[in-house]
Amino acid sequence: METASLDLNLLRTFLAVYRSGSFTGAARLLGLSQPTVTTQMRALERQTGRELFERLPRGVAPTPVADELAARIAAPLDELAAVAGPTPPAGTGAEPVHLAGPAELLCTKALPALAPLVAEGVRLRVATGLTDPLLEELRAGRHDLVIATTRPRGRTLQAVALTDEEFVLVAAPVWAERLTGRRGAQGSEARPAAAQGPDGRPAAAQGGLDPAVLHGVPLVTYAEDLPVARRYWRHVFGRRLSRTAAVTVPDLRGVLAAVVAGAGFSVLPRYLCQDLLDSGVLVALLEPEDPPINTGFLVQRPGASDNPDVARVRALLLRAARDW
């Protein structure tokens, strides 16, 4: 496709539509009205003589012609945007940085790490939610950066590994005592007998844990489909988890609070509960040599942002995550 004679503004708008997946999202990114974006894309399609996007009930899908055009112009346009003008210093009237991700990681790790930038005048607008909807909103221009629990597919977003979170099987000491067959703190009353291994000792006391001992213990989890617990069972025990949750809380901090109070057991990221494990308020029921680990990613749209504070927030998060 010949691109030398195509209007540069039309190409910029095309790339915004391609990356955001909708005319509305591109309009938001470019500060244009949606009808203007639509008009520009019709003009570009007339100039190229080819259909660039398939109109869908929600958004648009690029045609192979659009894929080819985006591959040719993305890098040059991004380089041009990077040198188009001087970068103002931090905190001098820049727009807020819109950051999104899991509520637990944002509140316990990301926001404390970003406090120095806020003190310097950087403004933040934080949203929480599940990864897939947040990535769609990122494509549409509603966020600048998203902490995602999975790597996004396709070429419309850029992702870099941020941190690894290790999952731990935990319970309050009262449940740990019952599961290991130990007596209570005063030694006066025996706890209910735990499931035994081949040598007659409680399974949890043998350096391992037979998941059968957890059968009568309430499960506290994030959602009804038990996403974290099911993954732990497959990875550590090599079997499918067949349980119904006793308590579901759509925030891992709520799960943690319920487990600390003695409601039952759960699987939690270590960063969220390490202090409580160290203090003995929580007990790790198992310490496998190969614990399940999930990698989190810091995701943004390709190209340099018009807001210089986005780069500052991104750089500080990447540095801080080395210690998470």
Protein backbone atom coordinates (compact mmCIF):
# COMPACT_ATOMS: atom_id res chain seq x y z
CA MET A 1 0.00 0.00 0.00
CA GLU A 2 1.39 3.42 -0.94
CA THR A 3 1.50 5.65 2.17
CA ALA A 4 3.75 8.51 1.04
CA SER A 5 0.83 10.70 -0.11
CA LEU A 6 -1.51 9.92 2.79
CA ASP A 7 -2.38 12.70 5.23
CA LEU A 8 -0.32 12.44 8.44
CA ASN A 9 -3.26 13.41 10.66
CA LEU A 10 -5.37 10.66 9.13
CA LEU A 11 -2.60 8.16 9.83
CA ARG A 12 -2.39 9.28 13.46
CA THR A 13 -6.13 8.85 13.83
CA PHE A 14 -5.98 5.48 12.11
CA LEU A 15 -3.32 4.27 14.54
CA ALA A 16 -5.37 5.43 17.53
CA VAL A 17 -8.42 3.53 16.22
CA TYR A 18 -6.29 0.46 15.52
CA ARG A 19 -4.82 0.42 19.02
CA SER A 20 -7.96 1.32 20.96
CA GLY A 21 -10.31 -0.92 19.01
CA SER A 22 -13.00 1.70 18.58
CA PHE A 23 -13.72 5.13 17.13
CA THR A 24 -14.89 6.31 20.54
CA GLY A 25 -11.68 5.18 22.22
CA ALA A 26 -9.58 6.87 19.55
CA ALA A 27 -11.54 10.08 19.99
CA ARG A 28 -10.83 10.03 23.70
CA LEU A 29 -7.11 9.43 23.11
CA LEU A 30 -6.82 12.22 20.54
CA GLY A 31 -9.11 14.77 22.11
CA LEU A 32 -11.42 14.70 19.10
CA SER A 33 -15.12 14.09 18.71
CA GLN A 34 -16.29 10.65 17.67
CA PRO A 35 -17.90 11.98 14.45
CA THR A 36 -14.57 13.59 13.51
CA VAL A 37 -12.76 10.27 13.91
CA THR A 38 -15.42 8.52 11.83
CA THR A 39 -15.13 11.14 9.09
CA GLN A 40 -11.35 10.85 9.04
CA MET A 41 -11.44 7.08 8.76
CA ARG A 42 -13.89 7.26 5.88
CA ALA A 43 -11.56 9.74 4.19
CA LEU A 44 -8.58 7.44 4.69
CA GLU A 45 -10.50 4.46 3.33
CA ARG A 46 -11.41 6.50 0.26
CA GLN A 47 -7.75 7.48 -0.23
CA THR A 48 -6.50 3.91 0.09
CA GLY A 49 -9.43 2.38 -1.77
CA ARG A 50 -9.59 -0.36 0.86
CA GLU A 51 -11.72 -1.12 3.89
CA LEU A 52 -9.62 -0.74 7.02
CA PHE A 53 -12.04 -1.69 9.79
CA GLU A 54 -14.99 -4.01 10.14
CA ARG A 55 -17.72 -2.28 12.13
CA LEU A 56 -18.89 -4.41 15.07
CA PRO A 57 -21.74 -3.96 17.57
CA ARG A 58 -19.07 -2.78 20.01
CA GLY A 59 -16.00 -1.22 18.43
CA VAL A 60 -14.23 -2.22 15.26
CA ALA A 61 -11.98 -5.04 14.08
CA PRO A 62 -8.98 -4.32 11.81
CA THR A 63 -8.86 -5.92 8.38
CA PRO A 64 -5.64 -7.50 7.05
CA VAL A 65 -5.06 -4.23 5.16
CA ALA A 66 -5.20 -2.35 8.46
CA ASP A 67 -2.77 -4.81 10.06
CA GLU A 68 -0.31 -4.19 7.22
CA LEU A 69 -0.70 -0.42 7.41
CA ALA A 70 -0.27 -0.35 11.21
CA ALA A 71 2.90 -2.44 10.98
CA ARG A 72 4.39 0.07 8.52
CA ILE A 73 3.52 3.34 10.26
CA ALA A 74 3.47 2.58 14.01
CA ALA A 75 7.20 2.92 14.71
CA PRO A 76 7.74 6.09 12.62
CA LEU A 77 4.69 7.82 14.12
CA ASP A 78 5.74 6.86 17.67
CA GLU A 79 9.23 8.24 17.05
CA LEU A 80 7.77 11.44 15.64
CA ALA A 81 5.49 11.83 18.68
CA ALA A 82 8.46 11.37 21.02
CA VAL A 83 10.35 14.32 19.51
CA ALA A 84 7.39 16.52 18.64
CA GLY A 85 7.84 18.91 21.54
CA PRO A 86 9.61 19.58 24.83
CA THR A 87 8.63 17.62 27.93
CA PRO A 88 7.40 19.78 30.78
CA PRO A 89 8.77 19.09 34.26
CA ALA A 90 6.82 16.97 36.72
CA GLY A 91 3.86 18.52 38.43
CA THR A 92 3.57 21.59 36.19
CA GLY A 93 0.00 21.29 35.08
CA ALA A 94 0.26 17.76 33.65
CA GLU A 95 -2.94 15.72 33.58
CA PRO A 96 -3.43 13.04 36.25
CA VAL A 97 -1.95 9.63 35.59
CA HIS A 98 -4.74 7.06 35.37
CA LEU A 99 -3.52 3.84 36.96
CA ALA A 100 -5.59 0.66 37.30
CA GLY A 101 -5.13 -2.88 38.56
CA PRO A 102 -6.03 -5.34 41.32
CA ALA A 103 -7.19 -3.48 44.43
CA GLU A 104 -4.99 -5.51 46.78
CA LEU A 105 -1.70 -4.93 44.95
CA LEU A 106 -2.46 -1.29 44.27
CA CYS A 107 -3.36 -0.50 47.87
CA THR A 108 -0.65 -2.48 49.64
CA LYS A 109 2.30 -2.04 47.25
CA ALA A 110 1.84 0.35 44.32
CA LEU A 111 0.34 3.39 46.06
CA PRO A 112 2.87 3.44 48.93
CA ALA A 113 5.67 3.20 46.36
CA LEU A 114 4.27 6.16 44.41
CA ALA A 115 3.93 8.44 47.45
CA PRO A 116 7.20 10.33 46.69
CA LEU A 117 5.92 11.30 43.24
CA VAL A 118 2.63 12.51 44.68
CA ALA A 119 4.58 14.65 47.13
CA GLU A 120 6.36 16.21 44.14
CA GLY A 121 3.07 17.18 42.52
CA VAL A 122 2.20 14.18 40.35
CA ARG A 123 -1.53 13.48 40.39
CA LEU A 124 -2.99 9.98 40.33
CA ARG A 125 -6.45 8.65 39.51
CA VAL A 126 -6.69 5.01 40.54
CA ALA A 127 -9.23 2.40 39.44
CA THR A 128 -9.53 -1.21 40.52
CA GLY A 129 -10.98 -4.26 38.82
CA LEU A 130 -10.34 -7.47 36.94
CA THR A 131 -7.64 -7.64 34.30
CA ASP A 132 -9.67 -8.24 31.13
CA PRO A 133 -12.09 -5.31 31.56
CA LEU A 134 -9.25 -3.02 32.62
CA LEU A 135 -7.23 -3.89 29.52
CA GLU A 136 -10.21 -3.12 27.31
CA GLU A 137 -10.56 0.23 29.07
CA LEU A 138 -6.83 0.83 28.56
CA ARG A 139 -7.21 0.26 24.83
CA ALA A 140 -10.10 2.72 24.83
CA GLY A 141 -7.99 5.39 26.51
CA ARG A 142 -9.57 5.35 29.97
CA HIS A 143 -6.29 4.42 31.71
CA ASP A 144 -2.62 5.20 31.15
CA LEU A 145 -1.16 2.18 32.94
CA VAL A 146 -2.68 -1.12 34.06
CA ILE A 147 -1.20 -3.71 36.37
CA ALA A 148 -2.45 -6.95 34.81
CA THR A 149 -2.43 -10.48 36.19
CA THR A 150 -1.96 -11.93 32.69
CA ARG A 151 0.03 -10.79 29.65
CA PRO A 152 -2.28 -9.13 27.12
CA ARG A 153 -2.62 -10.76 23.73
CA GLY A 154 -2.04 -9.08 20.41
CA ARG A 155 0.05 -6.08 19.41
CA THR A 156 -2.20 -3.25 20.54
CA LEU A 157 -0.69 -3.07 24.05
CA GLN A 158 2.83 -3.18 25.43
CA ALA A 159 3.56 -5.20 28.57
CA VAL A 160 6.62 -5.66 30.75
CA ALA A 161 6.92 -8.13 33.63
CA LEU A 162 6.42 -6.28 36.91
CA THR A 163 6.43 -8.77 39.77
CA ASP A 164 5.95 -12.44 40.64
CA GLU A 165 3.45 -13.30 43.33
CA GLU A 166 3.79 -16.62 45.16
CA PHE A 167 0.66 -18.29 46.51
CA VAL A 168 0.52 -19.77 50.01
CA LEU A 169 -1.96 -22.14 51.62
CA VAL A 170 -2.80 -20.51 54.96
CA ALA A 171 -5.03 -20.79 58.01
CA ALA A 172 -5.23 -19.39 61.51
CA PRO A 173 -3.28 -21.27 64.24
CA VAL A 174 -6.46 -22.83 65.64
CA TRP A 175 -7.01 -24.67 62.36
CA ALA A 176 -3.32 -25.49 61.90
CA GLU A 177 -3.33 -27.18 65.32
CA ARG A 178 -6.32 -29.30 64.40
CA LEU A 179 -4.84 -30.29 61.04
CA THR A 180 -1.47 -31.32 62.50
CA GLY A 181 -3.02 -33.17 65.47
CA ARG A 182 -1.24 -31.06 68.08
CA ARG A 183 -2.87 -30.22 71.41
CA GLY A 184 -4.18 -26.81 72.32
CA ALA A 185 -2.07 -24.10 73.90
CA GLN A 186 -2.73 -25.37 77.47
CA GLY A 187 -2.31 -28.99 76.48
CA SER A 188 -5.49 -29.96 78.30
CA GLU A 189 -7.71 -30.92 75.41
CA ALA A 190 -6.79 -32.81 72.31
CA ARG A 191 -7.86 -31.34 69.00
CA PRO A 192 -9.86 -33.49 66.58
CA ALA A 193 -7.63 -36.09 64.96
CA ALA A 194 -6.11 -35.17 61.63
CA ALA A 195 -5.92 -37.42 58.60
CA GLN A 196 -2.93 -39.77 58.87
CA GLY A 197 -0.19 -40.70 56.43
CA PRO A 198 1.11 -44.24 55.77
CA ASP A 199 3.27 -44.19 58.92
CA GLY A 200 0.38 -43.21 61.17
CA ARG A 201 1.52 -39.64 61.78
CA PRO A 202 -0.65 -36.68 60.75
CA ALA A 203 -0.07 -35.98 57.07
CA ALA A 204 0.59 -32.29 57.65
CA ALA A 205 3.37 -33.14 60.09
CA GLN A 206 5.32 -35.19 57.57
CA GLY A 207 6.62 -32.29 55.52
CA GLY A 208 3.62 -32.56 53.22
CA LEU A 209 -0.11 -32.17 53.38
CA ASP A 210 -2.75 -34.59 52.25
CA PRO A 211 -5.49 -32.29 50.89
CA ALA A 212 -8.03 -34.73 52.33
CA VAL A 213 -7.37 -33.27 55.80
CA LEU A 214 -8.92 -30.00 54.60
CA HIS A 215 -12.22 -31.63 53.70
CA GLY A 216 -13.98 -30.45 56.83
CA VAL A 217 -12.37 -27.02 56.98
CA PRO A 218 -14.32 -24.06 55.52
CA LEU A 219 -12.79 -22.55 52.39
CA VAL A 220 -12.61 -18.77 52.11
CA THR A 221 -11.96 -17.53 48.60
CA TYR A 222 -12.10 -14.68 46.12
CA ALA A 223 -14.93 -15.94 43.91
CA GLU A 224 -17.39 -18.78 43.51
CA ASP A 225 -15.31 -20.47 40.80
CA LEU A 226 -12.30 -20.61 43.18
CA PRO A 227 -9.73 -19.36 40.63
CA VAL A 228 -6.72 -19.08 42.97
CA ALA A 229 -7.47 -22.20 45.01
CA ARG A 230 -8.12 -24.33 41.93
CA ARG A 231 -4.79 -23.33 40.44
CA TYR A 232 -3.01 -24.17 43.71
CA TRP A 233 -4.61 -27.61 43.83
CA ARG A 234 -3.62 -28.42 40.24
CA HIS A 235 -0.04 -27.17 40.67
CA VAL A 236 0.77 -28.55 44.13
CA PHE A 237 -1.49 -31.56 44.57
CA GLY A 238 -1.89 -32.54 40.92
CA ARG A 239 -5.62 -32.92 41.24
CA ARG A 240 -8.84 -31.05 40.71
CA LEU A 241 -10.36 -29.10 43.58
CA SER A 242 -13.99 -30.04 44.20
CA ARG A 243 -15.24 -27.72 46.88
CA THR A 244 -17.88 -25.12 47.55
CA ALA A 245 -16.65 -21.98 49.23
CA ALA A 246 -17.93 -21.18 52.70
CA VAL A 247 -17.16 -17.48 52.23
CA THR A 248 -16.48 -15.48 49.05
CA VAL A 249 -15.09 -11.95 49.19
CA PRO A 250 -14.19 -10.10 45.95
CA ASP A 251 -11.15 -8.55 47.65
CA LEU A 252 -8.23 -10.63 48.90
CA ARG A 253 -7.85 -8.32 51.88
CA GLY A 254 -11.32 -9.43 52.98
CA VAL A 255 -10.34 -13.06 52.45
CA LEU A 256 -7.28 -12.46 54.61
CA ALA A 257 -9.31 -10.85 57.39
CA ALA A 258 -11.76 -13.78 57.47
CA VAL A 259 -8.96 -16.35 57.61
CA VAL A 260 -7.13 -14.47 60.38
CA ALA A 261 -10.38 -14.46 62.38
CA GLY A 262 -10.55 -18.25 62.11
CA ALA A 263 -13.22 -18.63 59.42
CA GLY A 264 -11.24 -21.33 57.60
CA PHE A 265 -8.37 -21.70 55.15
CA SER A 266 -7.47 -20.02 51.87
CA VAL A 267 -4.77 -19.53 49.26
CA LEU A 268 -3.30 -16.03 49.29
CA PRO A 269 -0.41 -14.20 47.65
CA ARG A 270 2.59 -14.15 49.96
CA TYR A 271 3.08 -10.38 49.69
CA LEU A 272 -0.33 -9.90 51.31
CA CYS A 273 0.24 -12.13 54.31
CA GLN A 274 4.01 -12.42 54.91
CA ASP A 275 4.00 -10.17 57.98
CA LEU A 276 1.22 -12.22 59.55
CA LEU A 277 3.07 -15.44 58.77
CA ASP A 278 6.21 -14.05 60.39
CA SER A 279 4.30 -13.04 63.52
CA GLY A 280 2.43 -16.35 63.82
CA VAL A 281 -1.00 -14.81 63.35
CA LEU A 282 -1.26 -16.99 60.24
CA VAL A 283 0.28 -20.38 59.53
CA ALA A 284 1.43 -21.73 56.18
CA LEU A 285 -0.08 -25.21 56.03
CA LEU A 286 2.38 -26.28 53.36
CA GLU A 287 5.68 -24.97 51.98
CA PRO A 288 6.11 -26.80 48.65
CA GLU A 289 9.49 -26.64 46.90
CA ASP A 290 7.74 -25.42 43.76
CA PRO A 291 4.93 -23.09 44.85
CA PRO A 292 2.55 -21.70 42.24
CA ILE A 293 3.66 -18.29 41.02
CA ASN A 294 1.79 -15.75 38.93
CA THR A 295 3.54 -12.97 37.02
CA GLY A 296 2.01 -9.51 37.00
CA PHE A 297 2.60 -7.15 34.09
CA LEU A 298 2.67 -3.38 33.74
CA VAL A 299 0.76 -2.57 30.56
CA GLN A 300 0.34 0.58 28.47
CA ARG A 301 -0.58 1.60 24.97
CA PRO A 302 2.33 1.72 22.49
CA GLY A 303 4.05 5.00 21.90
CA ALA A 304 5.03 7.88 24.15
CA SER A 305 2.28 9.43 26.27
CA ASP A 306 1.53 13.15 25.99
CA ASN A 307 1.67 13.22 29.80
CA PRO A 308 5.30 13.09 31.02
CA ASP A 309 4.19 11.90 34.45
CA VAL A 310 3.08 8.56 32.97
CA ALA A 311 6.71 7.68 32.27
CA ARG A 312 7.69 8.72 35.80
CA VAL A 313 5.01 6.58 37.40
CA ARG A 314 5.95 3.64 35.20
CA ALA A 315 9.66 3.90 36.00
CA LEU A 316 9.08 4.13 39.75
CA LEU A 317 6.72 1.15 39.76
CA LEU A 318 9.26 -0.97 37.90
CA ARG A 319 12.00 -0.01 40.38
CA ALA A 320 9.85 -0.53 43.45
CA ALA A 321 8.54 -3.91 42.27
CA ARG A 322 12.03 -5.41 42.61
CA ASP A 323 11.46 -5.44 46.37
CA TRP A 324 7.84 -6.66 46.41
